[in-house]
């Protein structure tokens, strides 16, 4: 797969030579490349590259996808729909389980004409206001139309960073209606009070701090929201639990790394018999309680997930947050399933 994005100095997954939609590594790679294709689509638009000058198409054509539609906001392209159209000569048995459409959302672009619009969305993630944006409305309507026409098994969601927050919000809203979409969330933002355990060598101290945060969060929840709990048929924690999105995080990426402790601590709290406190803490966050409206559910909090952690070393935040790590071969990946 010899293609390269000149502006990002990145090559695609050159090691892939066969199609296997039953292989989790292949599915992750395809989803990441399609998201990256959205980044390049926006670069092409900004630099007025069209036709043969465009650098974006190789990122989806190699996997036999076609650009079906693109999402355009006030200032930029922020998402796209890709349709799977394998040639007749490609009759690999696993094509039967391939998605017919993948809806992908890009993250923040550090360029002047896109940056301020993207940063406004980033701030809305913290304030839990992403659902009020036209970006969300456009993506949500497109997903509803696809699912209504084709069924949930034929539609995938994918996103990176800001885009993963958008994909997560869309996926959550679909899950609340009983539609559970295959979803790939690369470096999804986790909004929480600042906490860095990288310099704390004692595992016992780390666990103690995390446990204290759980009790504080649960206490704040009771103080600010009261003791009333919704029934199982109304509780969003219960309704969303069958949806198991795939999360991909790096432990040194401060934007998403807290998901590692979030799920690990949940298991530890359940083991010591504090599942009630843990449920309150899992459904809320300290920052969310302080900044988010009472009736709102923090976007980043999940009930079930397949969590993949990249344990390979990253020299800086830029590389720890990079999308390309999810298609580079020979990464040290650790996978865990958390089912509520």
C-alpha atoms as a PDB file:
ATOM      1  CA  UNK A   1       0.000   0.000   0.000  1.00  0.00           C
ATOM      2  CA  UNK A   2       2.454   2.609  -1.179  1.00  0.00           C
ATOM      3  CA  UNK A   3       0.879   5.983  -0.699  1.00  0.00           C
ATOM      4  CA  UNK A   4       1.906   8.936   1.383  1.00  0.00           C
ATOM      5  CA  UNK A   5       0.369  12.089   2.801  1.00  0.00           C
ATOM      6  CA  UNK A   6       2.997  14.697   2.004  1.00  0.00           C
ATOM      7  CA  UNK A   7       1.710  17.305   4.445  1.00  0.00           C
ATOM      8  CA  UNK A   8       1.660  14.869   7.362  1.00  0.00           C
ATOM      9  CA  UNK A   9       4.834  13.009   6.264  1.00  0.00           C
ATOM     10  CA  UNK A  10       2.955   9.796   6.927  1.00  0.00           C
ATOM     11  CA  UNK A  11       2.795   6.628   4.912  1.00  0.00           C
ATOM     12  CA  UNK A  12      -0.229   4.383   4.989  1.00  0.00           C
ATOM     13  CA  UNK A  13      -0.221   0.793   6.309  1.00  0.00           C
ATOM     14  CA  UNK A  14       2.263  -0.642   3.824  1.00  0.00           C
ATOM     15  CA  UNK A  15       2.259  -3.994   5.623  1.00  0.00           C
ATOM     16  CA  UNK A  16      -1.338  -4.882   4.731  1.00  0.00           C
ATOM     17  CA  UNK A  17      -1.508  -7.157   1.712  1.00  0.00           C
ATOM     18  CA  UNK A  18      -4.814  -9.005   2.177  1.00  0.00           C
ATOM     19  CA  UNK A  19      -8.388  -8.206   3.126  1.00  0.00           C
ATOM     20  CA  UNK A  20      -9.770  -9.792   6.279  1.00  0.00           C
ATOM     21  CA  UNK A  21     -12.765  -8.107   7.845  1.00  0.00           C
ATOM     22  CA  UNK A  22     -12.815 -10.758  10.578  1.00  0.00           C
ATOM     23  CA  UNK A  23      -9.449  -9.480  11.811  1.00  0.00           C
ATOM     24  CA  UNK A  24      -9.632  -6.773  14.510  1.00  0.00           C
ATOM     25  CA  UNK A  25      -6.277  -5.292  13.442  1.00  0.00           C
ATOM     26  CA  UNK A  26      -7.508  -4.882   9.879  1.00  0.00           C
ATOM     27  CA  UNK A  27     -10.775  -3.254  10.989  1.00  0.00           C
ATOM     28  CA  UNK A  28      -8.928  -0.833  13.292  1.00  0.00           C
ATOM     29  CA  UNK A  29      -6.499   0.083  10.517  1.00  0.00           C
ATOM     30  CA  UNK A  30      -9.234   0.724   7.957  1.00  0.00           C
ATOM     31  CA  UNK A  31     -11.225   2.881  10.379  1.00  0.00           C
ATOM     32  CA  UNK A  32      -8.134   4.941  11.268  1.00  0.00           C
ATOM     33  CA  UNK A  33      -7.201   5.443   7.610  1.00  0.00           C
ATOM     34  CA  UNK A  34     -10.710   6.591   6.697  1.00  0.00           C
ATOM     35  CA  UNK A  35     -10.642   9.141   9.518  1.00  0.00           C
ATOM     36  CA  UNK A  36      -7.247  10.311   8.300  1.00  0.00           C
ATOM     37  CA  UNK A  37      -8.779  10.641   4.843  1.00  0.00           C
ATOM     38  CA  UNK A  38     -11.166  13.255   6.268  1.00  0.00           C
ATOM     39  CA  UNK A  39      -8.190  15.272   7.552  1.00  0.00           C
ATOM     40  CA  UNK A  40      -6.664  15.200   4.065  1.00  0.00           C
ATOM     41  CA  UNK A  41      -9.988  16.106   2.452  1.00  0.00           C
ATOM     42  CA  UNK A  42      -9.952  19.308   4.485  1.00  0.00           C
ATOM     43  CA  UNK A  43      -6.315  19.939   3.536  1.00  0.00           C
ATOM     44  CA  UNK A  44      -7.219  19.479  -0.131  1.00  0.00           C
ATOM     45  CA  UNK A  45     -10.048  21.985   0.249  1.00  0.00           C
ATOM     46  CA  UNK A  46      -7.845  24.588   1.934  1.00  0.00           C
ATOM     47  CA  UNK A  47      -5.104  24.276  -0.664  1.00  0.00           C
ATOM     48  CA  UNK A  48      -7.570  24.054  -3.559  1.00  0.00           C
ATOM     49  CA  UNK A  49      -6.296  20.642  -4.688  1.00  0.00           C
ATOM     50  CA  UNK A  50      -8.775  18.953  -7.008  1.00  0.00           C
ATOM     51  CA  UNK A  51      -8.857  15.955  -9.312  1.00  0.00           C
ATOM     52  CA  UNK A  52      -5.467  14.304  -9.763  1.00  0.00           C
ATOM     53  CA  UNK A  53      -3.885  16.835  -7.400  1.00  0.00           C
ATOM     54  CA  UNK A  54      -5.957  15.616  -4.460  1.00  0.00           C
ATOM     55  CA  UNK A  55      -4.021  13.651  -1.816  1.00  0.00           C
ATOM     56  CA  UNK A  56      -7.055  12.263  -0.007  1.00  0.00           C
ATOM     57  CA  UNK A  57      -8.476   9.453  -2.225  1.00  0.00           C
ATOM     58  CA  UNK A  58      -5.684   6.876  -1.650  1.00  0.00           C
ATOM     59  CA  UNK A  59      -6.606   6.747   2.028  1.00  0.00           C
ATOM     60  CA  UNK A  60      -9.903   5.061   1.189  1.00  0.00           C
ATOM     61  CA  UNK A  61      -9.521   3.690  -2.337  1.00  0.00           C
ATOM     62  CA  UNK A  62      -6.945   1.105  -1.304  1.00  0.00           C
ATOM     63  CA  UNK A  63      -9.603  -0.528   0.887  1.00  0.00           C
ATOM     64  CA  UNK A  64     -12.171  -0.327  -1.945  1.00  0.00           C
ATOM     65  CA  UNK A  65     -14.151   2.527  -0.449  1.00  0.00           C
ATOM     66  CA  UNK A  66     -15.614   5.474  -2.356  1.00  0.00           C
ATOM     67  CA  UNK A  67     -16.398   8.930  -1.050  1.00  0.00           C
ATOM     68  CA  UNK A  68     -20.201   8.904  -0.784  1.00  0.00           C
ATOM     69  CA  UNK A  69     -20.706  12.280   0.916  1.00  0.00           C
ATOM     70  CA  UNK A  70     -18.898  14.829   3.046  1.00  0.00           C
ATOM     71  CA  UNK A  71     -19.988  16.980   5.977  1.00  0.00           C
ATOM     72  CA  UNK A  72     -19.246  20.684   5.610  1.00  0.00           C
ATOM     73  CA  UNK A  73     -19.557  23.121   8.500  1.00  0.00           C
ATOM     74  CA  UNK A  74     -19.269  26.900   8.416  1.00  0.00           C
ATOM     75  CA  UNK A  75     -15.543  26.844   7.792  1.00  0.00           C
ATOM     76  CA  UNK A  76     -14.395  23.343   6.885  1.00  0.00           C
ATOM     77  CA  UNK A  77     -15.018  19.691   6.055  1.00  0.00           C
ATOM     78  CA  UNK A  78     -15.386  17.883   9.374  1.00  0.00           C
ATOM     79  CA  UNK A  79     -16.651  14.451   8.354  1.00  0.00           C
ATOM     80  CA  UNK A  80     -17.421  12.110   5.484  1.00  0.00           C
ATOM     81  CA  UNK A  81     -19.369   9.004   4.522  1.00  0.00           C
ATOM     82  CA  UNK A  82     -17.453   6.227   2.773  1.00  0.00           C
ATOM     83  CA  UNK A  83     -19.174   3.459   0.810  1.00  0.00           C
ATOM     84  CA  UNK A  84     -17.619  -0.003   0.475  1.00  0.00           C
ATOM     85  CA  UNK A  85     -17.552  -1.094  -3.183  1.00  0.00           C
ATOM     86  CA  UNK A  86     -15.200  -4.041  -3.633  1.00  0.00           C
ATOM     87  CA  UNK A  87     -14.476  -5.106  -7.222  1.00  0.00           C
ATOM     88  CA  UNK A  88     -16.002  -8.359  -8.412  1.00  0.00           C
ATOM     89  CA  UNK A  89     -12.548  -9.913  -8.447  1.00  0.00           C
ATOM     90  CA  UNK A  90     -12.300  -9.308  -4.704  1.00  0.00           C
ATOM     91  CA  UNK A  91     -14.570 -12.021  -3.355  1.00  0.00           C
ATOM     92  CA  UNK A  92     -12.926 -12.563   0.015  1.00  0.00           C
ATOM     93  CA  UNK A  93     -15.404 -14.429   2.297  1.00  0.00           C
ATOM     94  CA  UNK A  94     -15.074 -11.788   5.022  1.00  0.00           C
ATOM     95  CA  UNK A  95     -16.543  -9.139   2.685  1.00  0.00           C
ATOM     96  CA  UNK A  96     -19.925 -10.403   3.873  1.00  0.00           C
ATOM     97  CA  UNK A  97     -19.303  -8.855   7.298  1.00  0.00           C
ATOM     98  CA  UNK A  98     -17.699  -5.653   6.020  1.00  0.00           C
ATOM     99  CA  UNK A  99     -19.574  -2.396   6.647  1.00  0.00           C
ATOM    100  CA  UNK A 100     -21.392  -0.935   3.672  1.00  0.00           C
ATOM    101  CA  UNK A 101     -20.811   2.567   4.969  1.00  0.00           C
ATOM    102  CA  UNK A 102     -18.356   4.130   7.404  1.00  0.00           C
ATOM    103  CA  UNK A 103     -19.129   7.576   8.808  1.00  0.00           C
ATOM    104  CA  UNK A 104     -15.906   9.249   9.940  1.00  0.00           C
ATOM    105  CA  UNK A 105     -15.143  12.497  11.794  1.00  0.00           C
ATOM    106  CA  UNK A 106     -11.781  14.252  11.960  1.00  0.00           C
ATOM    107  CA  UNK A 107     -10.233  15.987  14.960  1.00  0.00           C
ATOM    108  CA  UNK A 108      -8.852  19.481  15.497  1.00  0.00           C
ATOM    109  CA  UNK A 109      -6.623  20.912  12.768  1.00  0.00           C
ATOM    110  CA  UNK A 110      -3.957  23.390  13.887  1.00  0.00           C
ATOM    111  CA  UNK A 111      -4.398  25.751  10.937  1.00  0.00           C
ATOM    112  CA  UNK A 112      -5.667  29.306  11.211  1.00  0.00           C
ATOM    113  CA  UNK A 113      -8.774  28.967   9.032  1.00  0.00           C
ATOM    114  CA  UNK A 114      -9.942  25.774  10.794  1.00  0.00           C
ATOM    115  CA  UNK A 115      -8.427  26.150  14.238  1.00  0.00           C
ATOM    116  CA  UNK A 116     -10.833  28.632  15.820  1.00  0.00           C
ATOM    117  CA  UNK A 117     -13.918  26.738  14.658  1.00  0.00           C
ATOM    118  CA  UNK A 118     -12.449  23.459  15.919  1.00  0.00           C
ATOM    119  CA  UNK A 119     -11.408  25.019  19.234  1.00  0.00           C
ATOM    120  CA  UNK A 120     -14.935  26.286  19.777  1.00  0.00           C
ATOM    121  CA  UNK A 121     -16.125  22.686  19.462  1.00  0.00           C
ATOM    122  CA  UNK A 122     -13.356  21.505  21.800  1.00  0.00           C
ATOM    123  CA  UNK A 123     -14.597  23.947  24.449  1.00  0.00           C
ATOM    124  CA  UNK A 124     -18.128  22.663  23.967  1.00  0.00           C
ATOM    125  CA  UNK A 125     -16.912  19.141  24.750  1.00  0.00           C
ATOM    126  CA  UNK A 126     -15.824  20.384  28.189  1.00  0.00           C
ATOM    127  CA  UNK A 127     -19.099  22.253  28.662  1.00  0.00           C
ATOM    128  CA  UNK A 128     -21.117  19.292  27.350  1.00  0.00           C
ATOM    129  CA  UNK A 129     -22.671  21.373  24.605  1.00  0.00           C
ATOM    130  CA  UNK A 130     -21.603  19.426  21.511  1.00  0.00           C
ATOM    131  CA  UNK A 131     -25.161  18.173  21.026  1.00  0.00           C
ATOM    132  CA  UNK A 132     -26.323  21.737  20.362  1.00  0.00           C
ATOM    133  CA  UNK A 133     -24.092  22.261  17.321  1.00  0.00           C
ATOM    134  CA  UNK A 134     -24.941  22.059  13.632  1.00  0.00           C
ATOM    135  CA  UNK A 135     -22.040  19.610  13.221  1.00  0.00           C
ATOM    136  CA  UNK A 136     -23.779  17.126  15.482  1.00  0.00           C
ATOM    137  CA  UNK A 137     -27.154  17.661  13.813  1.00  0.00           C
ATOM    138  CA  UNK A 138     -25.655  16.992  10.374  1.00  0.00           C
ATOM    139  CA  UNK A 139     -23.856  13.835  11.508  1.00  0.00           C
ATOM    140  CA  UNK A 140     -26.790  12.573  13.554  1.00  0.00           C
ATOM    141  CA  UNK A 141     -29.263  12.948  10.694  1.00  0.00           C
ATOM    142  CA  UNK A 142     -26.930  11.185   8.266  1.00  0.00           C
ATOM    143  CA  UNK A 143     -26.520   8.225  10.628  1.00  0.00           C
ATOM    144  CA  UNK A 144     -30.256   7.962  11.245  1.00  0.00           C
ATOM    145  CA  UNK A 145     -30.939   7.916   7.518  1.00  0.00           C
ATOM    146  CA  UNK A 146     -28.290   5.252   6.896  1.00  0.00           C
ATOM    147  CA  UNK A 147     -29.485   3.006   9.703  1.00  0.00           C
ATOM    148  CA  UNK A 148     -33.130   3.359   8.690  1.00  0.00           C
ATOM    149  CA  UNK A 149     -32.298   2.371   5.122  1.00  0.00           C
ATOM    150  CA  UNK A 150     -29.593  -0.261   5.652  1.00  0.00           C
ATOM    151  CA  UNK A 151     -29.767  -1.486   9.246  1.00  0.00           C
ATOM    152  CA  UNK A 152     -27.240  -1.049  12.046  1.00  0.00           C
ATOM    153  CA  UNK A 153     -24.954  -3.913  10.990  1.00  0.00           C
ATOM    154  CA  UNK A 154     -24.088  -2.092   7.762  1.00  0.00           C
ATOM    155  CA  UNK A 155     -22.979   1.194   9.344  1.00  0.00           C
ATOM    156  CA  UNK A 156     -19.793   1.972  11.287  1.00  0.00           C
ATOM    157  CA  UNK A 157     -18.798   5.126  13.151  1.00  0.00           C
ATOM    158  CA  UNK A 158     -15.214   6.343  13.547  1.00  0.00           C
ATOM    159  CA  UNK A 159     -13.464   9.449  14.806  1.00  0.00           C
ATOM    160  CA  UNK A 160     -10.228  10.831  16.211  1.00  0.00           C
ATOM    161  CA  UNK A 161      -9.894  13.268  19.143  1.00  0.00           C
ATOM    162  CA  UNK A 162     -12.604  15.908  18.618  1.00  0.00           C
ATOM    163  CA  UNK A 163     -14.024  13.612  15.933  1.00  0.00           C
ATOM    164  CA  UNK A 164     -14.192  10.711  18.375  1.00  0.00           C
ATOM    165  CA  UNK A 165     -16.229  12.885  20.728  1.00  0.00           C
ATOM    166  CA  UNK A 166     -18.626  13.540  17.845  1.00  0.00           C
ATOM    167  CA  UNK A 167     -18.796   9.829  16.958  1.00  0.00           C
ATOM    168  CA  UNK A 168     -19.312   8.958  20.636  1.00  0.00           C
ATOM    169  CA  UNK A 169     -22.190  11.422  20.951  1.00  0.00           C
ATOM    170  CA  UNK A 170     -23.846  10.077  17.811  1.00  0.00           C
ATOM    171  CA  UNK A 171     -23.307   6.488  18.954  1.00  0.00           C
ATOM    172  CA  UNK A 172     -24.761   7.220  22.383  1.00  0.00           C
ATOM    173  CA  UNK A 173     -27.868   8.793  20.900  1.00  0.00           C
ATOM    174  CA  UNK A 174     -28.388   5.816  18.607  1.00  0.00           C
ATOM    175  CA  UNK A 175     -27.835   3.405  21.506  1.00  0.00           C
ATOM    176  CA  UNK A 176     -30.566   5.148  23.504  1.00  0.00           C
ATOM    177  CA  UNK A 177     -32.985   4.077  20.758  1.00  0.00           C
ATOM    178  CA  UNK A 178     -31.759   0.474  20.890  1.00  0.00           C
ATOM    179  CA  UNK A 179     -29.435   0.763  17.877  1.00  0.00           C
ATOM    180  CA  UNK A 180     -25.869  -0.307  18.712  1.00  0.00           C
ATOM    181  CA  UNK A 181     -23.348   0.683  16.052  1.00  0.00           C
ATOM    182  CA  UNK A 182     -19.804  -0.610  15.648  1.00  0.00           C
ATOM    183  CA  UNK A 183     -17.797   2.422  16.736  1.00  0.00           C
ATOM    184  CA  UNK A 184     -14.056   3.194  16.655  1.00  0.00           C
ATOM    185  CA  UNK A 185     -12.942   6.018  18.956  1.00  0.00           C
ATOM    186  CA  UNK A 186      -9.293   7.004  18.547  1.00  0.00           C
ATOM    187  CA  UNK A 187      -7.806   9.103  21.398  1.00  0.00           C
ATOM    188  CA  UNK A 188     -11.230  10.206  22.686  1.00  0.00           C
ATOM    189  CA  UNK A 189     -11.183  13.205  25.078  1.00  0.00           C
ATOM    190  CA  UNK A 190     -11.825  12.471  28.746  1.00  0.00           C
ATOM    191  CA  UNK A 191     -12.885  15.582  30.651  1.00  0.00           C
ATOM    192  CA  UNK A 192     -11.810  15.291  34.280  1.00  0.00           C
ATOM    193  CA  UNK A 193     -10.131  17.241  37.036  1.00  0.00           C
ATOM    194  CA  UNK A 194      -6.381  17.430  36.367  1.00  0.00           C
ATOM    195  CA  UNK A 195      -4.557  14.350  37.629  1.00  0.00           C
ATOM    196  CA  UNK A 196      -1.164  13.094  36.553  1.00  0.00           C
ATOM    197  CA  UNK A 197       0.072   9.830  38.071  1.00  0.00           C
ATOM    198  CA  UNK A 198       3.135   9.625  35.794  1.00  0.00           C
ATOM    199  CA  UNK A 199       5.352  11.060  38.545  1.00  0.00           C
ATOM    200  CA  UNK A 200       3.808   9.005  41.334  1.00  0.00           C
ATOM    201  CA  UNK A 201       5.869   5.835  41.579  1.00  0.00           C
ATOM    202  CA  UNK A 202       3.863   4.126  44.317  1.00  0.00           C
ATOM    203  CA  UNK A 203       1.017   2.049  42.867  1.00  0.00           C
ATOM    204  CA  UNK A 204      -0.593   2.006  46.296  1.00  0.00           C
ATOM    205  CA  UNK A 205      -0.627   5.807  46.410  1.00  0.00           C
ATOM    206  CA  UNK A 206      -1.967   6.013  42.852  1.00  0.00           C
ATOM    207  CA  UNK A 207      -4.830   3.652  43.723  1.00  0.00           C
ATOM    208  CA  UNK A 208      -5.525   5.590  46.906  1.00  0.00           C
ATOM    209  CA  UNK A 209      -5.814   8.881  45.036  1.00  0.00           C
ATOM    210  CA  UNK A 210      -8.085   7.368  42.416  1.00  0.00           C
ATOM    211  CA  UNK A 211     -10.269   5.746  45.077  1.00  0.00           C
ATOM    212  CA  UNK A 212     -10.565   9.079  46.920  1.00  0.00           C
ATOM    213  CA  UNK A 213     -11.618  10.752  43.669  1.00  0.00           C
ATOM    214  CA  UNK A 214     -14.373   8.153  43.276  1.00  0.00           C
ATOM    215  CA  UNK A 215     -15.749   8.858  46.753  1.00  0.00           C
ATOM    216  CA  UNK A 216     -15.532  12.627  46.213  1.00  0.00           C
ATOM    217  CA  UNK A 217     -17.314  12.352  42.860  1.00  0.00           C
ATOM    218  CA  UNK A 218     -20.063  10.192  44.371  1.00  0.00           C
ATOM    219  CA  UNK A 219     -20.457  12.642  47.260  1.00  0.00           C
ATOM    220  CA  UNK A 220     -20.705  15.629  44.926  1.00  0.00           C
ATOM    221  CA  UNK A 221     -23.254  13.743  42.822  1.00  0.00           C
ATOM    222  CA  UNK A 222     -25.521  13.173  45.811  1.00  0.00           C
ATOM    223  CA  UNK A 223     -25.070  16.767  47.007  1.00  0.00           C
ATOM    224  CA  UNK A 224     -25.794  18.355  43.626  1.00  0.00           C
ATOM    225  CA  UNK A 225     -28.270  15.915  42.101  1.00  0.00           C
ATOM    226  CA  UNK A 226     -29.904  14.391  45.152  1.00  0.00           C
ATOM    227  CA  UNK A 227     -30.559  10.748  46.019  1.00  0.00           C
ATOM    228  CA  UNK A 228     -33.236  10.093  43.416  1.00  0.00           C
ATOM    229  CA  UNK A 229     -32.377   7.370  40.936  1.00  0.00           C
ATOM    230  CA  UNK A 230     -34.218   6.488  37.770  1.00  0.00           C
ATOM    231  CA  UNK A 231     -35.633   3.019  37.257  1.00  0.00           C
ATOM    232  CA  UNK A 232     -33.699   0.497  35.191  1.00  0.00           C
ATOM    233  CA  UNK A 233     -35.894   1.152  32.135  1.00  0.00           C
ATOM    234  CA  UNK A 234     -35.073   4.894  32.320  1.00  0.00           C
ATOM    235  CA  UNK A 235     -31.530   4.907  33.701  1.00  0.00           C
ATOM    236  CA  UNK A 236     -29.199   5.881  30.813  1.00  0.00           C
ATOM    237  CA  UNK A 237     -26.445   3.863  32.485  1.00  0.00           C
ATOM    238  CA  UNK A 238     -28.531   0.709  31.997  1.00  0.00           C
ATOM    239  CA  UNK A 239     -29.889   1.670  28.576  1.00  0.00           C
ATOM    240  CA  UNK A 240     -26.418   2.328  27.120  1.00  0.00           C
ATOM    241  CA  UNK A 241     -24.636  -0.639  28.688  1.00  0.00           C
ATOM    242  CA  UNK A 242     -25.187  -3.060  25.731  1.00  0.00           C
ATOM    243  CA  UNK A 243     -23.316  -0.635  23.428  1.00  0.00           C
ATOM    244  CA  UNK A 244     -19.624  -1.552  23.441  1.00  0.00           C
ATOM    245  CA  UNK A 245     -17.613   1.021  21.443  1.00  0.00           C
ATOM    246  CA  UNK A 246     -13.936   0.361  20.734  1.00  0.00           C
ATOM    247  CA  UNK A 247     -11.640   2.897  22.429  1.00  0.00           C
ATOM    248  CA  UNK A 248      -7.984   3.341  21.476  1.00  0.00           C
ATOM    249  CA  UNK A 249      -5.826   5.310  23.900  1.00  0.00           C
ATOM    250  CA  UNK A 250      -2.193   5.935  24.751  1.00  0.00           C
ATOM    251  CA  UNK A 251      -1.336   6.129  28.483  1.00  0.00           C
ATOM    252  CA  UNK A 252       0.863   9.224  28.004  1.00  0.00           C
ATOM    253  CA  UNK A 253      -1.760  11.113  26.016  1.00  0.00           C
ATOM    254  CA  UNK A 254      -3.306  13.358  28.659  1.00  0.00           C
ATOM    255  CA  UNK A 255      -6.307  13.989  26.431  1.00  0.00           C
ATOM    256  CA  UNK A 256      -7.531  10.394  26.636  1.00  0.00           C
ATOM    257  CA  UNK A 257      -5.323   8.530  29.137  1.00  0.00           C
ATOM    258  CA  UNK A 258      -7.773   8.829  32.031  1.00  0.00           C
ATOM    259  CA  UNK A 259      -9.927   6.158  30.369  1.00  0.00           C
ATOM    260  CA  UNK A 260      -7.299   3.638  31.496  1.00  0.00           C
ATOM    261  CA  UNK A 261      -7.737   4.513  35.167  1.00  0.00           C
ATOM    262  CA  UNK A 262     -11.481   5.079  34.755  1.00  0.00           C
ATOM    263  CA  UNK A 263     -12.181   1.471  33.796  1.00  0.00           C
ATOM    264  CA  UNK A 264      -9.469  -0.138  35.918  1.00  0.00           C
ATOM    265  CA  UNK A 265     -10.614   1.672  39.064  1.00  0.00           C
ATOM    266  CA  UNK A 266     -14.184   0.656  38.395  1.00  0.00           C
ATOM    267  CA  UNK A 267     -13.229  -3.005  38.696  1.00  0.00           C
ATOM    268  CA  UNK A 268     -11.281  -2.365  41.897  1.00  0.00           C
ATOM    269  CA  UNK A 269     -14.190  -0.525  43.514  1.00  0.00           C
ATOM    270  CA  UNK A 270     -16.558  -3.362  42.644  1.00  0.00           C
ATOM    271  CA  UNK A 271     -14.156  -5.864  44.239  1.00  0.00           C
ATOM    272  CA  UNK A 272     -14.222  -4.050  47.584  1.00  0.00           C
ATOM    273  CA  UNK A 273     -18.021  -3.953  47.607  1.00  0.00           C
ATOM    274  CA  UNK A 274     -18.373  -0.284  46.687  1.00  0.00           C
ATOM    275  CA  UNK A 275     -20.369  -0.860  43.508  1.00  0.00           C
ATOM    276  CA  UNK A 276     -23.063   1.661  44.503  1.00  0.00           C
ATOM    277  CA  UNK A 277     -20.515   4.419  44.997  1.00  0.00           C
ATOM    278  CA  UNK A 278     -18.754   3.323  41.835  1.00  0.00           C
ATOM    279  CA  UNK A 279     -21.949   3.565  39.803  1.00  0.00           C
ATOM    280  CA  UNK A 280     -22.437   7.187  40.888  1.00  0.00           C
ATOM    281  CA  UNK A 281     -18.783   8.001  40.168  1.00  0.00           C
ATOM    282  CA  UNK A 282     -18.808   6.230  36.800  1.00  0.00           C
ATOM    283  CA  UNK A 283     -21.823   8.176  35.592  1.00  0.00           C
ATOM    284  CA  UNK A 284     -20.355  11.532  36.627  1.00  0.00           C
ATOM    285  CA  UNK A 285     -17.101  13.455  36.853  1.00  0.00           C
ATOM    286  CA  UNK A 286     -15.916  16.274  39.104  1.00  0.00           C
ATOM    287  CA  UNK A 287     -15.514  18.668  36.172  1.00  0.00           C
ATOM    288  CA  UNK A 288     -18.823  17.535  34.729  1.00  0.00           C
ATOM    289  CA  UNK A 289     -20.656  18.159  37.988  1.00  0.00           C
ATOM    290  CA  UNK A 290     -19.222  21.665  38.212  1.00  0.00           C
ATOM    291  CA  UNK A 291     -19.644  22.692  34.577  1.00  0.00           C
ATOM    292  CA  UNK A 292     -22.474  20.580  33.187  1.00  0.00           C
ATOM    293  CA  UNK A 293     -26.171  21.218  33.698  1.00  0.00           C
ATOM    294  CA  UNK A 294     -27.880  19.087  36.328  1.00  0.00           C
ATOM    295  CA  UNK A 295     -29.938  17.062  33.897  1.00  0.00           C
ATOM    296  CA  UNK A 296     -27.112  16.424  31.460  1.00  0.00           C
ATOM    297  CA  UNK A 297     -24.944  13.326  31.256  1.00  0.00           C
ATOM    298  CA  UNK A 298     -21.218  13.994  30.703  1.00  0.00           C
ATOM    299  CA  UNK A 299     -20.329  13.045  27.140  1.00  0.00           C
ATOM    300  CA  UNK A 300     -17.089  11.193  27.830  1.00  0.00           C
ATOM    301  CA  UNK A 301     -18.422   8.760  30.433  1.00  0.00           C
ATOM    302  CA  UNK A 302     -19.069   5.269  29.098  1.00  0.00           C
ATOM    303  CA  UNK A 303     -20.761   2.244  30.552  1.00  0.00           C
ATOM    304  CA  UNK A 304     -19.176  -0.548  28.493  1.00  0.00           C
ATOM    305  CA  UNK A 305     -16.199  -0.510  26.154  1.00  0.00           C
ATOM    306  CA  UNK A 306     -13.501  -2.505  24.422  1.00  0.00           C
ATOM    307  CA  UNK A 307     -10.383  -0.618  25.519  1.00  0.00           C
ATOM    308  CA  UNK A 308      -7.132  -0.914  23.560  1.00  0.00           C
ATOM    309  CA  UNK A 309      -4.073   0.667  25.176  1.00  0.00           C
ATOM    310  CA  UNK A 310      -0.933   1.344  23.150  1.00  0.00           C
ATOM    311  CA  UNK A 311       1.942   0.577  25.524  1.00  0.00           C
ATOM    312  CA  UNK A 312       4.595   1.470  22.950  1.00  0.00           C
ATOM    313  CA  UNK A 313       6.736   4.432  23.955  1.00  0.00           C
ATOM    314  CA  UNK A 314       5.839   7.875  22.647  1.00  0.00           C
ATOM    315  CA  UNK A 315       8.446  10.651  23.063  1.00  0.00           C
ATOM    316  CA  UNK A 316       5.878  13.450  23.304  1.00  0.00           C
ATOM    317  CA  UNK A 317       2.181  14.264  23.486  1.00  0.00           C
ATOM    318  CA  UNK A 318       2.019  14.863  19.729  1.00  0.00           C
ATOM    319  CA  UNK A 319       2.994  11.263  18.965  1.00  0.00           C
ATOM    320  CA  UNK A 320       0.963   9.831  21.847  1.00  0.00           C
ATOM    321  CA  UNK A 321      -2.104  11.543  20.380  1.00  0.00           C
ATOM    322  CA  UNK A 322      -1.290  10.785  16.733  1.00  0.00           C
ATOM    323  CA  UNK A 323      -3.805   8.866  14.656  1.00  0.00           C
ATOM    324  CA  UNK A 324      -1.089   7.059  12.687  1.00  0.00           C
ATOM    325  CA  UNK A 325      -0.130   4.896  15.694  1.00  0.00           C
ATOM    326  CA  UNK A 326      -3.284   2.867  15.135  1.00  0.00           C
ATOM    327  CA  UNK A 327      -2.190   1.534  11.740  1.00  0.00           C
ATOM    328  CA  UNK A 328       1.564   1.243  12.373  1.00  0.00           C
ATOM    329  CA  UNK A 329       2.515  -2.454  12.745  1.00  0.00           C
ATOM    330  CA  UNK A 330       4.291  -4.083  15.715  1.00  0.00           C
ATOM    331  CA  UNK A 331       2.782  -1.804  18.337  1.00  0.00           C
ATOM    332  CA  UNK A 332       2.531  -3.133  21.893  1.00  0.00           C
ATOM    333  CA  UNK A 333      -1.235  -3.203  22.317  1.00  0.00           C
ATOM    334  CA  UNK A 334      -3.196  -4.375  25.342  1.00  0.00           C
ATOM    335  CA  UNK A 335      -6.913  -5.047  24.967  1.00  0.00           C
ATOM    336  CA  UNK A 336      -9.541  -5.328  27.711  1.00  0.00           C
ATOM    337  CA  UNK A 337     -13.295  -5.701  27.555  1.00  0.00           C
ATOM    338  CA  UNK A 338     -15.363  -3.841  30.163  1.00  0.00           C
ATOM    339  CA  UNK A 339     -19.026  -4.827  30.162  1.00  0.00           C
ATOM    340  CA  UNK A 340     -21.408  -3.194  32.622  1.00  0.00           C
END
